[in-house]
Amino acid sequence: MPRVPTEIFFWFMRLRIHLFAYLAKFSPTGQEKFDLEMGSEKTVGQLLDELQIPADFEKRVLVNGRHADSSVRLGEKDDVFIYPPAAGG
């Protein structure tokens, strides 16, 4: 009979998060810029859930300088910028 591993390995990735304007209140550290460790294979949507940013809040997300929707997969050392849309007048 084959041996079944009894250990479970969890891989984590470290992200650099930047929150701007009213979205900064969702920072777990109280800082606008912070590092966050999450399990691997996570998406932008899962990150927003982790930060408890409500889905109905207006926001834009950049991952490494590129616009990203909630389905974009995140990777180790990604820079994630979350900011409100610009308003003009």
Protein backbone atom coordinates (compact mmCIF):
# COMPACT_ATOMS: atom_id res chain seq x y z
CA MET A 1 0.00 0.00 0.00
CA PRO A 2 1.40 3.46 -0.84
CA ARG A 3 2.42 5.69 2.01
CA VAL A 4 0.12 8.68 2.48
CA PRO A 5 1.80 11.85 3.72
CA THR A 6 0.40 13.04 7.02
CA GLU A 7 1.94 16.51 6.82
CA ILE A 8 0.22 19.40 5.14
CA PHE A 9 2.36 22.19 3.80
CA PHE A 10 1.03 25.71 3.47
CA TRP A 11 2.86 28.08 1.20
CA PHE A 12 2.64 31.76 1.90
CA MET A 13 3.45 34.78 -0.19
CA ARG A 14 4.30 38.25 0.95
CA LEU A 15 2.57 41.17 -0.75
CA ARG A 16 3.27 44.90 -0.47
CA ILE A 17 -0.07 46.68 -0.08
CA HIS A 18 -0.71 50.40 -0.61
CA LEU A 19 -4.11 51.80 0.45
CA PHE A 20 -5.09 55.35 -0.48
CA ALA A 21 -7.60 57.93 0.77
CA TYR A 22 -10.64 56.52 2.61
CA LEU A 23 -9.51 52.94 1.85
CA ALA A 24 -6.61 53.34 4.31
CA LYS A 25 -9.04 52.66 7.17
CA PHE A 26 -9.01 48.99 6.10
CA SER A 27 -5.31 48.62 6.86
CA PRO A 28 -4.69 45.95 9.51
CA THR A 29 -1.59 47.88 10.64
CA GLY A 30 -3.06 51.38 10.62
CA GLN A 31 -0.50 52.32 7.95
CA GLU A 32 -1.21 53.13 4.30
CA LYS A 33 1.70 50.91 3.19
CA PHE A 34 2.29 47.51 4.73
CA ASP A 35 3.39 43.95 3.99
CA LEU A 36 0.81 41.20 4.16
CA GLU A 37 1.31 37.45 4.14
CA MET A 38 -1.37 35.36 2.48
CA GLY A 39 -1.66 31.79 1.35
CA SER A 40 -0.45 31.17 -2.17
CA GLU A 41 -2.79 30.97 -5.16
CA LYS A 42 -4.90 33.90 -3.94
CA THR A 43 -6.69 36.42 -6.13
CA VAL A 44 -7.28 40.15 -5.90
CA GLY A 45 -10.86 39.41 -4.83
CA GLN A 46 -9.66 37.23 -1.98
CA LEU A 47 -7.23 39.96 -0.91
CA LEU A 48 -10.07 42.50 -0.82
CA ASP A 49 -12.10 40.05 1.29
CA GLU A 50 -9.11 39.54 3.62
CA LEU A 51 -8.85 43.32 4.09
CA GLN A 52 -12.63 43.48 4.63
CA ILE A 53 -13.10 46.10 1.93
CA PRO A 54 -16.82 45.96 1.05
CA ALA A 55 -17.60 44.92 -2.51
CA ASP A 56 -19.79 48.00 -3.02
CA PHE A 57 -16.95 50.45 -2.21
CA GLU A 58 -15.69 52.23 -5.31
CA LYS A 59 -12.06 51.26 -5.84
CA ARG A 60 -9.42 50.60 -8.45
CA VAL A 61 -6.66 48.03 -8.12
CA LEU A 62 -3.22 47.93 -9.70
CA VAL A 63 -0.94 44.92 -9.38
CA ASN A 64 2.64 45.70 -10.33
CA GLY A 65 1.46 48.78 -12.22
CA ARG A 66 -1.30 47.03 -14.22
CA HIS A 67 -5.04 47.33 -13.73
CA ALA A 68 -6.41 44.19 -12.12
CA ASP A 69 -9.90 42.84 -11.60
CA SER A 70 -10.91 40.51 -8.79
CA SER A 71 -9.94 37.35 -10.71
CA VAL A 72 -6.24 38.26 -11.14
CA ARG A 73 -3.93 35.82 -9.32
CA LEU A 74 -1.38 37.34 -6.97
CA GLY A 75 2.23 36.28 -6.63
CA GLU A 76 5.15 36.60 -4.22
CA LYS A 77 6.31 40.20 -3.72
CA ASP A 78 3.55 41.74 -5.82
CA ASP A 79 2.93 45.46 -5.27
CA VAL A 80 -0.81 46.03 -4.89
CA PHE A 81 -2.25 49.55 -5.01
CA ILE A 82 -5.88 50.01 -3.99
CA TYR A 83 -7.32 53.49 -4.45
CA PRO A 84 -10.60 55.29 -5.02
CA PRO A 85 -11.51 56.41 -8.53
CA ALA A 86 -10.52 59.96 -9.40
CA ALA A 87 -13.21 62.59 -9.31
CA GLY A 88 -13.16 65.67 -11.43
CA GLY A 89 -15.11 68.80 -11.77
